[in-house]
mmCIF file of all heavy atoms, coordinates in Angstrom:
data_MODEL
# 
_entry.id   MODEL 
# 
loop_
_atom_site.group_PDB 
_atom_site.id 
_atom_site.type_symbol 
_atom_site.label_atom_id 
_atom_site.label_alt_id 
_atom_site.label_comp_id 
_atom_site.label_asym_id 
_atom_site.label_entity_id 
_atom_site.label_seq_id 
_atom_site.pdbx_PDB_ins_code 
_atom_site.Cartn_x 
_atom_site.Cartn_y 
_atom_site.Cartn_z 
_atom_site.occupancy 
_atom_site.B_iso_or_equiv 
_atom_site.pdbx_formal_charge 
_atom_site.auth_seq_id 
_atom_site.auth_comp_id 
_atom_site.auth_asym_id 
_atom_site.auth_atom_id 
_atom_site.pdbx_PDB_model_num 
ATOM 1   N N   . ALA A 1 1  ? -16.671 0.937   6.045  1.00 0.00 ? 1  ALA A N   1 
ATOM 2   C CA  . ALA A 1 1  ? -16.691 1.769   4.836  1.00 0.00 ? 1  ALA A CA  1 
ATOM 3   C C   . ALA A 1 1  ? -15.559 2.792   4.839  1.00 0.00 ? 1  ALA A C   1 
ATOM 4   O O   . ALA A 1 1  ? -14.886 2.985   3.815  1.00 0.00 ? 1  ALA A O   1 
ATOM 5   C CB  . ALA A 1 1  ? -18.039 2.464   4.707  1.00 0.00 ? 1  ALA A CB  1 
ATOM 6   N N   . VAL A 1 2  ? -15.324 3.440   5.973  1.00 0.00 ? 2  VAL A N   1 
ATOM 7   C CA  . VAL A 1 2  ? -14.269 4.456   6.051  1.00 0.00 ? 2  VAL A CA  1 
ATOM 8   C C   . VAL A 1 2  ? -12.891 3.822   5.857  1.00 0.00 ? 2  VAL A C   1 
ATOM 9   O O   . VAL A 1 2  ? -12.067 4.304   5.066  1.00 0.00 ? 2  VAL A O   1 
ATOM 10  C CB  . VAL A 1 2  ? -14.340 5.222   7.391  1.00 0.00 ? 2  VAL A CB  1 
ATOM 11  C CG1 . VAL A 1 2  ? -13.089 6.047   7.632  1.00 0.00 ? 2  VAL A CG1 1 
ATOM 12  C CG2 . VAL A 1 2  ? -15.578 6.098   7.434  1.00 0.00 ? 2  VAL A CG2 1 
ATOM 13  N N   . VAL A 1 3  ? -12.638 2.731   6.557  1.00 0.00 ? 3  VAL A N   1 
ATOM 14  C CA  . VAL A 1 3  ? -11.327 2.083   6.449  1.00 0.00 ? 3  VAL A CA  1 
ATOM 15  C C   . VAL A 1 3  ? -11.131 1.510   5.044  1.00 0.00 ? 3  VAL A C   1 
ATOM 16  O O   . VAL A 1 3  ? -10.055 1.617   4.464  1.00 0.00 ? 3  VAL A O   1 
ATOM 17  C CB  . VAL A 1 3  ? -11.157 0.999   7.538  1.00 0.00 ? 3  VAL A CB  1 
ATOM 18  C CG1 . VAL A 1 3  ? -9.887  0.195   7.321  1.00 0.00 ? 3  VAL A CG1 1 
ATOM 19  C CG2 . VAL A 1 3  ? -11.143 1.649   8.914  1.00 0.00 ? 3  VAL A CG2 1 
ATOM 20  N N   . THR A 1 4  ? -12.173 0.924   4.464  1.00 0.00 ? 4  THR A N   1 
ATOM 21  C CA  . THR A 1 4  ? -12.075 0.382   3.108  1.00 0.00 ? 4  THR A CA  1 
ATOM 22  C C   . THR A 1 4  ? -11.833 1.505   2.097  1.00 0.00 ? 4  THR A C   1 
ATOM 23  O O   . THR A 1 4  ? -11.016 1.350   1.177  1.00 0.00 ? 4  THR A O   1 
ATOM 24  C CB  . THR A 1 4  ? -13.342 -0.415  2.748  1.00 0.00 ? 4  THR A CB  1 
ATOM 25  O OG1 . THR A 1 4  ? -13.467 -1.505  3.665  1.00 0.00 ? 4  THR A OG1 1 
ATOM 26  C CG2 . THR A 1 4  ? -13.278 -0.958  1.335  1.00 0.00 ? 4  THR A CG2 1 
ATOM 27  N N   . ALA A 1 5  ? -12.490 2.635   2.269  1.00 0.00 ? 5  ALA A N   1 
ATOM 28  C CA  . ALA A 1 5  ? -12.258 3.776   1.377  1.00 0.00 ? 5  ALA A CA  1 
ATOM 29  C C   . ALA A 1 5  ? -10.810 4.249   1.475  1.00 0.00 ? 5  ALA A C   1 
ATOM 30  O O   . ALA A 1 5  ? -10.182 4.573   0.462  1.00 0.00 ? 5  ALA A O   1 
ATOM 31  C CB  . ALA A 1 5  ? -13.219 4.911   1.705  1.00 0.00 ? 5  ALA A CB  1 
ATOM 32  N N   . LEU A 1 6  ? -10.258 4.271   2.682  1.00 0.00 ? 6  LEU A N   1 
ATOM 33  C CA  . LEU A 1 6  ? -8.858  4.648   2.869  1.00 0.00 ? 6  LEU A CA  1 
ATOM 34  C C   . LEU A 1 6  ? -7.941  3.667   2.152  1.00 0.00 ? 6  LEU A C   1 
ATOM 35  O O   . LEU A 1 6  ? -6.980  4.060   1.489  1.00 0.00 ? 6  LEU A O   1 
ATOM 36  C CB  . LEU A 1 6  ? -8.521  4.719   4.357  1.00 0.00 ? 6  LEU A CB  1 
ATOM 37  C CG  . LEU A 1 6  ? -7.086  5.065   4.731  1.00 0.00 ? 6  LEU A CG  1 
ATOM 38  C CD1 . LEU A 1 6  ? -6.758  6.493   4.293  1.00 0.00 ? 6  LEU A CD1 1 
ATOM 39  C CD2 . LEU A 1 6  ? -6.872  4.905   6.219  1.00 0.00 ? 6  LEU A CD2 1 
ATOM 40  N N   . LYS A 1 7  ? -8.259  2.380   2.244  1.00 0.00 ? 7  LYS A N   1 
ATOM 41  C CA  . LYS A 1 7  ? -7.436  1.358   1.592  1.00 0.00 ? 7  LYS A CA  1 
ATOM 42  C C   . LYS A 1 7  ? -7.538  1.440   0.073  1.00 0.00 ? 7  LYS A C   1 
ATOM 43  O O   . LYS A 1 7  ? -6.525  1.340   -0.626 1.00 0.00 ? 7  LYS A O   1 
ATOM 44  C CB  . LYS A 1 7  ? -7.857  -0.036  2.068  1.00 0.00 ? 7  LYS A CB  1 
ATOM 45  C CG  . LYS A 1 7  ? -7.512  -0.293  3.522  1.00 0.00 ? 7  LYS A CG  1 
ATOM 46  C CD  . LYS A 1 7  ? -8.005  -1.639  3.966  1.00 0.00 ? 7  LYS A CD  1 
ATOM 47  C CE  . LYS A 1 7  ? -7.681  -1.848  5.435  1.00 0.00 ? 7  LYS A CE  1 
ATOM 48  N NZ  . LYS A 1 7  ? -7.920  -3.201  5.884  1.00 0.00 ? 7  LYS A NZ  1 
ATOM 49  N N   . VAL A 1 8  ? -8.743  1.617   -0.439 1.00 0.00 ? 8  VAL A N   1 
ATOM 50  C CA  . VAL A 1 8  ? -8.948  1.641   -1.887 1.00 0.00 ? 8  VAL A CA  1 
ATOM 51  C C   . VAL A 1 8  ? -8.323  2.879   -2.526 1.00 0.00 ? 8  VAL A C   1 
ATOM 52  O O   . VAL A 1 8  ? -7.803  2.814   -3.641 1.00 0.00 ? 8  VAL A O   1 
ATOM 53  C CB  . VAL A 1 8  ? -10.455 1.538   -2.220 1.00 0.00 ? 8  VAL A CB  1 
ATOM 54  C CG1 . VAL A 1 8  ? -10.734 1.819   -3.672 1.00 0.00 ? 8  VAL A CG1 1 
ATOM 55  C CG2 . VAL A 1 8  ? -10.972 0.155   -1.848 1.00 0.00 ? 8  VAL A CG2 1 
ATOM 56  N N   . THR A 1 9  ? -8.361  3.999   -1.832 1.00 0.00 ? 9  THR A N   1 
ATOM 57  C CA  . THR A 1 9  ? -7.790  5.231   -2.377 1.00 0.00 ? 9  THR A CA  1 
ATOM 58  C C   . THR A 1 9  ? -6.313  5.394   -2.035 1.00 0.00 ? 9  THR A C   1 
ATOM 59  O O   . THR A 1 9  ? -5.717  6.424   -2.366 1.00 0.00 ? 9  THR A O   1 
ATOM 60  C CB  . THR A 1 9  ? -8.571  6.463   -1.877 1.00 0.00 ? 9  THR A CB  1 
ATOM 61  O OG1 . THR A 1 9  ? -8.528  6.493   -0.435 1.00 0.00 ? 9  THR A OG1 1 
ATOM 62  C CG2 . THR A 1 9  ? -10.013 6.437   -2.351 1.00 0.00 ? 9  THR A CG2 1 
ATOM 63  N N   . ASN A 1 10 ? -5.709  4.401   -1.428 1.00 0.00 ? 10 ASN A N   1 
ATOM 64  C CA  . ASN A 1 10 ? -4.303  4.489   -1.050 1.00 0.00 ? 10 ASN A CA  1 
ATOM 65  C C   . ASN A 1 10 ? -3.362  4.850   -2.203 1.00 0.00 ? 10 ASN A C   1 
ATOM 66  O O   . ASN A 1 10 ? -2.421  5.608   -1.984 1.00 0.00 ? 10 ASN A O   1 
ATOM 67  C CB  . ASN A 1 10 ? -3.831  3.196   -0.384 1.00 0.00 ? 10 ASN A CB  1 
ATOM 68  C CG  . ASN A 1 10 ? -2.443  3.352   0.175  1.00 0.00 ? 10 ASN A CG  1 
ATOM 69  O OD1 . ASN A 1 10 ? -2.232  4.076   1.133  1.00 0.00 ? 10 ASN A OD1 1 
ATOM 70  N ND2 . ASN A 1 10 ? -1.476  2.690   -0.465 1.00 0.00 ? 10 ASN A ND2 1 
ATOM 71  N N   . PRO A 1 11 ? -3.588  4.369   -3.433 1.00 0.00 ? 11 PRO A N   1 
ATOM 72  C CA  . PRO A 1 11 ? -2.678  4.777   -4.512 1.00 0.00 ? 11 PRO A CA  1 
ATOM 73  C C   . PRO A 1 11 ? -2.660  6.288   -4.752 1.00 0.00 ? 11 PRO A C   1 
ATOM 74  O O   . PRO A 1 11 ? -1.696  6.820   -5.279 1.00 0.00 ? 11 PRO A O   1 
ATOM 75  C CB  . PRO A 1 11 ? -3.229  4.063   -5.747 1.00 0.00 ? 11 PRO A CB  1 
ATOM 76  C CG  . PRO A 1 11 ? -3.941  2.876   -5.201 1.00 0.00 ? 11 PRO A CG  1 
ATOM 77  C CD  . PRO A 1 11 ? -4.515  3.337   -3.888 1.00 0.00 ? 11 PRO A CD  1 
ATOM 78  N N   . LEU A 1 12 ? -3.690  6.991   -4.330 1.00 0.00 ? 12 LEU A N   1 
ATOM 79  C CA  . LEU A 1 12 ? -3.731  8.444   -4.508 1.00 0.00 ? 12 LEU A CA  1 
ATOM 80  C C   . LEU A 1 12 ? -3.006  9.195   -3.398 1.00 0.00 ? 12 LEU A C   1 
ATOM 81  O O   . LEU A 1 12 ? -2.418  10.241  -3.638 1.00 0.00 ? 12 LEU A O   1 
ATOM 82  C CB  . LEU A 1 12 ? -5.183  8.927   -4.576 1.00 0.00 ? 12 LEU A CB  1 
ATOM 83  C CG  . LEU A 1 12 ? -6.013  8.377   -5.729 1.00 0.00 ? 12 LEU A CG  1 
ATOM 84  C CD1 . LEU A 1 12 ? -7.450  8.841   -5.607 1.00 0.00 ? 12 LEU A CD1 1 
ATOM 85  C CD2 . LEU A 1 12 ? -5.414  8.812   -7.051 1.00 0.00 ? 12 LEU A CD2 1 
ATOM 86  N N   . HIS A 1 13 ? -3.068  8.660   -2.165 1.00 0.00 ? 13 HIS A N   1 
ATOM 87  C CA  . HIS A 1 13 ? -2.502  9.410   -1.041 1.00 0.00 ? 13 HIS A CA  1 
ATOM 88  C C   . HIS A 1 13 ? -1.344  8.724   -0.344 1.00 0.00 ? 13 HIS A C   1 
ATOM 89  O O   . HIS A 1 13 ? -0.545  9.380   0.287  1.00 0.00 ? 13 HIS A O   1 
ATOM 90  C CB  . HIS A 1 13 ? -3.591  9.767   -0.020 1.00 0.00 ? 13 HIS A CB  1 
ATOM 91  C CG  . HIS A 1 13 ? -4.413  8.615   0.419  1.00 0.00 ? 13 HIS A CG  1 
ATOM 92  N ND1 . HIS A 1 13 ? -3.935  7.631   1.241  1.00 0.00 ? 13 HIS A ND1 1 
ATOM 93  C CD2 . HIS A 1 13 ? -5.697  8.284   0.139  1.00 0.00 ? 13 HIS A CD2 1 
ATOM 94  C CE1 . HIS A 1 13 ? -4.889  6.747   1.463  1.00 0.00 ? 13 HIS A CE1 1 
ATOM 95  N NE2 . HIS A 1 13 ? -5.967  7.114   0.797  1.00 0.00 ? 13 HIS A NE2 1 
ATOM 96  N N   . GLY A 1 14 ? -1.228  7.415   -0.433 1.00 0.00 ? 14 GLY A N   1 
ATOM 97  C CA  . GLY A 1 14 ? -0.120  6.696   0.189  1.00 0.00 ? 14 GLY A CA  1 
ATOM 98  C C   . GLY A 1 14 ? -0.077  6.770   1.701  1.00 0.00 ? 14 GLY A C   1 
ATOM 99  O O   . GLY A 1 14 ? 0.952   6.530   2.311  1.00 0.00 ? 14 GLY A O   1 
ATOM 100 N N   . LEU A 1 15 ? -1.191  7.088   2.345  1.00 0.00 ? 15 LEU A N   1 
ATOM 101 C CA  . LEU A 1 15 ? -1.212  7.220   3.803  1.00 0.00 ? 15 LEU A CA  1 
ATOM 102 C C   . LEU A 1 15 ? -1.316  5.877   4.526  1.00 0.00 ? 15 LEU A C   1 
ATOM 103 O O   . LEU A 1 15 ? -0.968  5.774   5.694  1.00 0.00 ? 15 LEU A O   1 
ATOM 104 C CB  . LEU A 1 15 ? -2.393  8.104   4.224  1.00 0.00 ? 15 LEU A CB  1 
ATOM 105 C CG  . LEU A 1 15 ? -2.353  9.543   3.736  1.00 0.00 ? 15 LEU A CG  1 
ATOM 106 C CD1 . LEU A 1 15 ? -3.654  10.258  4.093  1.00 0.00 ? 15 LEU A CD1 1 
ATOM 107 C CD2 . LEU A 1 15 ? -1.162  10.261  4.310  1.00 0.00 ? 15 LEU A CD2 1 
ATOM 108 N N   . TYR A 1 16 ? -1.806  4.856   3.826  1.00 0.00 ? 16 TYR A N   1 
ATOM 109 C CA  . TYR A 1 16 ? -2.072  3.581   4.492  1.00 0.00 ? 16 TYR A CA  1 
ATOM 110 C C   . TYR A 1 16 ? -0.904  2.613   4.377  1.00 0.00 ? 16 TYR A C   1 
ATOM 111 O O   . TYR A 1 16 ? -0.477  2.024   5.344  1.00 0.00 ? 16 TYR A O   1 
ATOM 112 C CB  . TYR A 1 16 ? -3.357  2.962   3.938  1.00 0.00 ? 16 TYR A CB  1 
ATOM 113 C CG  . TYR A 1 16 ? -3.849  1.804   4.750  1.00 0.00 ? 16 TYR A CG  1 
ATOM 114 C CD1 . TYR A 1 16 ? -4.451  2.011   5.977  1.00 0.00 ? 16 TYR A CD1 1 
ATOM 115 C CD2 . TYR A 1 16 ? -3.685  0.505   4.312  1.00 0.00 ? 16 TYR A CD2 1 
ATOM 116 C CE1 . TYR A 1 16 ? -4.890  0.954   6.743  1.00 0.00 ? 16 TYR A CE1 1 
ATOM 117 C CE2 . TYR A 1 16 ? -4.126  -0.559  5.067  1.00 0.00 ? 16 TYR A CE2 1 
ATOM 118 C CZ  . TYR A 1 16 ? -4.726  -0.333  6.279  1.00 0.00 ? 16 TYR A CZ  1 
ATOM 119 O OH  . TYR A 1 16 ? -5.134  -1.379  7.028  1.00 0.00 ? 16 TYR A OH  1 
ATOM 120 N N   . TYR A 1 17 ? -0.389  2.409   3.178  1.00 0.00 ? 17 TYR A N   1 
ATOM 121 C CA  . TYR A 1 17 ? 0.750   1.521   2.978  1.00 0.00 ? 17 TYR A CA  1 
ATOM 122 C C   . TYR A 1 17 ? 1.428   1.866   1.670  1.00 0.00 ? 17 TYR A C   1 
ATOM 123 O O   . TYR A 1 17 ? 0.903   2.598   0.850  1.00 0.00 ? 17 TYR A O   1 
ATOM 124 C CB  . TYR A 1 17 ? 0.324   0.045   2.961  1.00 0.00 ? 17 TYR A CB  1 
ATOM 125 C CG  . TYR A 1 17 ? -0.481  -0.342  1.739  1.00 0.00 ? 17 TYR A CG  1 
ATOM 126 C CD1 . TYR A 1 17 ? 0.143   -0.819  0.596  1.00 0.00 ? 17 TYR A CD1 1 
ATOM 127 C CD2 . TYR A 1 17 ? -1.860  -0.205  1.721  1.00 0.00 ? 17 TYR A CD2 1 
ATOM 128 C CE1 . TYR A 1 17 ? -0.597  -1.145  -0.529 1.00 0.00 ? 17 TYR A CE1 1 
ATOM 129 C CE2 . TYR A 1 17 ? -2.592  -0.536  0.602  1.00 0.00 ? 17 TYR A CE2 1 
ATOM 130 C CZ  . TYR A 1 17 ? -1.958  -1.010  -0.524 1.00 0.00 ? 17 TYR A CZ  1 
ATOM 131 O OH  . TYR A 1 17 ? -2.681  -1.333  -1.629 1.00 0.00 ? 17 TYR A OH  1 
ATOM 132 N N   . GLY A 1 18 ? 2.609   1.305   1.470  1.00 0.00 ? 18 GLY A N   1 
ATOM 133 C CA  . GLY A 1 18 ? 3.331   1.443   0.208  1.00 0.00 ? 18 GLY A CA  1 
ATOM 134 C C   . GLY A 1 18 ? 3.978   0.129   -0.140 1.00 0.00 ? 18 GLY A C   1 
ATOM 135 O O   . GLY A 1 18 ? 4.596   -0.507  0.716  1.00 0.00 ? 18 GLY A O   1 
ATOM 136 N N   . LEU A 1 19 ? 3.830   -0.319  -1.373 1.00 0.00 ? 19 LEU A N   1 
ATOM 137 C CA  . LEU A 1 19 ? 4.513   -1.512  -1.853 1.00 0.00 ? 19 LEU A CA  1 
ATOM 138 C C   . LEU A 1 19 ? 5.747   -1.043  -2.610 1.00 0.00 ? 19 LEU A C   1 
ATOM 139 O O   . LEU A 1 19 ? 5.637   -0.375  -3.626 1.00 0.00 ? 19 LEU A O   1 
ATOM 140 C CB  . LEU A 1 19 ? 3.599   -2.322  -2.784 1.00 0.00 ? 19 LEU A CB  1 
ATOM 141 C CG  . LEU A 1 19 ? 2.370   -2.956  -2.150 1.00 0.00 ? 19 LEU A CG  1 
ATOM 142 C CD1 . LEU A 1 19 ? 1.524   -3.642  -3.209 1.00 0.00 ? 19 LEU A CD1 1 
ATOM 143 C CD2 . LEU A 1 19 ? 2.775   -3.949  -1.087 1.00 0.00 ? 19 LEU A CD2 1 
ATOM 144 N N   . GLU A 1 20 ? 6.910   -1.368  -2.079 1.00 0.00 ? 20 GLU A N   1 
ATOM 145 C CA  . GLU A 1 20 ? 8.147   -0.910  -2.685 1.00 0.00 ? 20 GLU A CA  1 
ATOM 146 C C   . GLU A 1 20 ? 9.018   -2.099  -3.017 1.00 0.00 ? 20 GLU A C   1 
ATOM 147 O O   . GLU A 1 20 ? 9.129   -3.027  -2.228 1.00 0.00 ? 20 GLU A O   1 
ATOM 148 C CB  . GLU A 1 20 ? 8.889   0.024   -1.727 1.00 0.00 ? 20 GLU A CB  1 
ATOM 149 C CG  . GLU A 1 20 ? 8.106   1.257   -1.373 1.00 0.00 ? 20 GLU A CG  1 
ATOM 150 C CD  . GLU A 1 20 ? 8.835   2.151   -0.395 1.00 0.00 ? 20 GLU A CD  1 
ATOM 151 O OE1 . GLU A 1 20 ? 10.052  1.955   -0.183 1.00 0.00 ? 20 GLU A OE1 1 
ATOM 152 O OE2 . GLU A 1 20 ? 8.185   3.053   0.153  1.00 0.00 ? 20 GLU A OE2 1 
ATOM 153 N N   . PRO A 1 21 ? 9.676   -2.070  -4.185 1.00 0.00 ? 21 PRO A N   1 
ATOM 154 C CA  . PRO A 1 21 ? 10.593  -3.156  -4.537 1.00 0.00 ? 21 PRO A CA  1 
ATOM 155 C C   . PRO A 1 21 ? 11.763  -3.195  -3.556 1.00 0.00 ? 21 PRO A C   1 
ATOM 156 O O   . PRO A 1 21 ? 12.383  -2.181  -3.271 1.00 0.00 ? 21 PRO A O   1 
ATOM 157 C CB  . PRO A 1 21 ? 11.092  -2.773  -5.935 1.00 0.00 ? 21 PRO A CB  1 
ATOM 158 C CG  . PRO A 1 21 ? 10.187  -1.690  -6.415 1.00 0.00 ? 21 PRO A CG  1 
ATOM 159 C CD  . PRO A 1 21 ? 9.552   -1.075  -5.223 1.00 0.00 ? 21 PRO A CD  1 
ATOM 160 N N   . THR A 1 22 ? 12.048  -4.389  -3.004 1.00 0.00 ? 22 THR A N   1 
ATOM 161 C CA  . THR A 1 22 ? 13.144  -4.523  -2.061 1.00 0.00 ? 22 THR A CA  1 
ATOM 162 C C   . THR A 1 22 ? 14.057  -5.695  -2.371 1.00 0.00 ? 22 THR A C   1 
ATOM 163 O O   . THR A 1 22 ? 15.115  -5.815  -1.785 1.00 0.00 ? 22 THR A O   1 
ATOM 164 C CB  . THR A 1 22 ? 12.612  -4.743  -0.617 1.00 0.00 ? 22 THR A CB  1 
ATOM 165 O OG1 . THR A 1 22 ? 11.867  -5.954  -0.586 1.00 0.00 ? 22 THR A OG1 1 
ATOM 166 C CG2 . THR A 1 22 ? 11.803  -3.578  -0.151 1.00 0.00 ? 22 THR A CG2 1 
ATOM 167 N N   . GLY A 1 23 ? 13.644  -6.599  -3.247 1.00 0.00 ? 23 GLY A N   1 
ATOM 168 C CA  . GLY A 1 23 ? 14.404  -7.828  -3.452 1.00 0.00 ? 23 GLY A CA  1 
ATOM 169 C C   . GLY A 1 23 ? 13.983  -8.822  -2.395 1.00 0.00 ? 23 GLY A C   1 
ATOM 170 O O   . GLY A 1 23 ? 12.956  -8.678  -1.732 1.00 0.00 ? 23 GLY A O   1 
ATOM 171 N N   . GLY A 1 24 ? 14.723  -9.860  -2.198 1.00 0.00 ? 24 GLY A N   1 
ATOM 172 C CA  . GLY A 1 24 ? 14.401  -10.865 -1.192 1.00 0.00 ? 24 GLY A CA  1 
ATOM 173 C C   . GLY A 1 24 ? 13.355  -11.837 -1.706 1.00 0.00 ? 24 GLY A C   1 
ATOM 174 O O   . GLY A 1 24 ? 13.039  -11.891 -2.888 1.00 0.00 ? 24 GLY A O   1 
ATOM 175 N N   . ALA A 1 25 ? 12.789  -12.608 -0.780 1.00 0.00 ? 25 ALA A N   1 
ATOM 176 C CA  . ALA A 1 25 ? 11.873  -13.681 -1.151 1.00 0.00 ? 25 ALA A CA  1 
ATOM 177 C C   . ALA A 1 25 ? 10.608  -13.167 -1.822 1.00 0.00 ? 25 ALA A C   1 
ATOM 178 O O   . ALA A 1 25 ? 10.087  -13.787 -2.728 1.00 0.00 ? 25 ALA A O   1 
ATOM 179 C CB  . ALA A 1 25 ? 11.479  -14.479 0.091  1.00 0.00 ? 25 ALA A CB  1 
ATOM 180 N N   . PHE A 1 26 ? 10.104  -12.012 -1.399 1.00 0.00 ? 26 PHE A N   1 
ATOM 181 C CA  . PHE A 1 26 ? 8.835   -11.531 -1.916 1.00 0.00 ? 26 PHE A CA  1 
ATOM 182 C C   . PHE A 1 26 ? 8.984   -10.322 -2.817 1.00 0.00 ? 26 PHE A C   1 
ATOM 183 O O   . PHE A 1 26 ? 8.099   -9.977  -3.558 1.00 0.00 ? 26 PHE A O   1 
ATOM 184 C CB  . PHE A 1 26 ? 7.874   -11.207 -0.777 1.00 0.00 ? 26 PHE A CB  1 
ATOM 185 C CG  . PHE A 1 26 ? 7.701   -12.381 0.142  1.00 0.00 ? 26 PHE A CG  1 
ATOM 186 C CD1 . PHE A 1 26 ? 8.309   -12.396 1.373  1.00 0.00 ? 26 PHE A CD1 1 
ATOM 187 C CD2 . PHE A 1 26 ? 6.972   -13.477 -0.249 1.00 0.00 ? 26 PHE A CD2 1 
ATOM 188 C CE1 . PHE A 1 26 ? 8.190   -13.496 2.198  1.00 0.00 ? 26 PHE A CE1 1 
ATOM 189 C CE2 . PHE A 1 26 ? 6.831   -14.570 0.569  1.00 0.00 ? 26 PHE A CE2 1 
ATOM 190 C CZ  . PHE A 1 26 ? 7.436   -14.581 1.793  1.00 0.00 ? 26 PHE A CZ  1 
ATOM 191 N N   . GLY A 1 27 ? 10.084  -9.624  -2.719 1.00 0.00 ? 27 GLY A N   1 
ATOM 192 C CA  . GLY A 1 27 ? 10.341  -8.498  -3.587 1.00 0.00 ? 27 GLY A CA  1 
ATOM 193 C C   . GLY A 1 27 ? 9.644   -7.217  -3.203 1.00 0.00 ? 27 GLY A C   1 
ATOM 194 O O   . GLY A 1 27 ? 9.843   -6.199  -3.819 1.00 0.00 ? 27 GLY A O   1 
ATOM 195 N N   . LEU A 1 28 ? 8.817   -7.231  -2.177 1.00 0.00 ? 28 LEU A N   1 
ATOM 196 C CA  . LEU A 1 28 ? 8.070   -6.044  -1.759 1.00 0.00 ? 28 LEU A CA  1 
ATOM 197 C C   . LEU A 1 28 ? 8.120   -5.884  -0.257 1.00 0.00 ? 28 LEU A C   1 
ATOM 198 O O   . LEU A 1 28 ? 8.200   -6.856  0.477  1.00 0.00 ? 28 LEU A O   1 
ATOM 199 C CB  . LEU A 1 28 ? 6.605   -6.150  -2.190 1.00 0.00 ? 28 LEU A CB  1 
ATOM 200 C CG  . LEU A 1 28 ? 6.353   -6.177  -3.682 1.00 0.00 ? 28 LEU A CG  1 
ATOM 201 C CD1 . LEU A 1 28 ? 4.899   -6.531  -3.944 1.00 0.00 ? 28 LEU A CD1 1 
ATOM 202 C CD2 . LEU A 1 28 ? 6.663   -4.853  -4.300 1.00 0.00 ? 28 LEU A CD2 1 
ATOM 203 N N   . ALA A 1 29 ? 8.006   -4.641  0.184  1.00 0.00 ? 29 ALA A N   1 
ATOM 204 C CA  . ALA A 1 29 ? 7.870   -4.376  1.618  1.00 0.00 ? 29 ALA A CA  1 
ATOM 205 C C   . ALA A 1 29 ? 6.802   -3.329  1.803  1.00 0.00 ? 29 ALA A C   1 
ATOM 206 O O   . ALA A 1 29 ? 6.523   -2.551  0.948  1.00 0.00 ? 29 ALA A O   1 
ATOM 207 C CB  . ALA A 1 29 ? 9.182   -3.860  2.194  1.00 0.00 ? 29 ALA A CB  1 
# 
């Protein structure tokens, strides 16, 4: 529950991961 809450609220805090445009095969890193 704690880890899932961190993942779900990531757009608010950005502490877990960030999807950023980079180009390449997938376009995200």
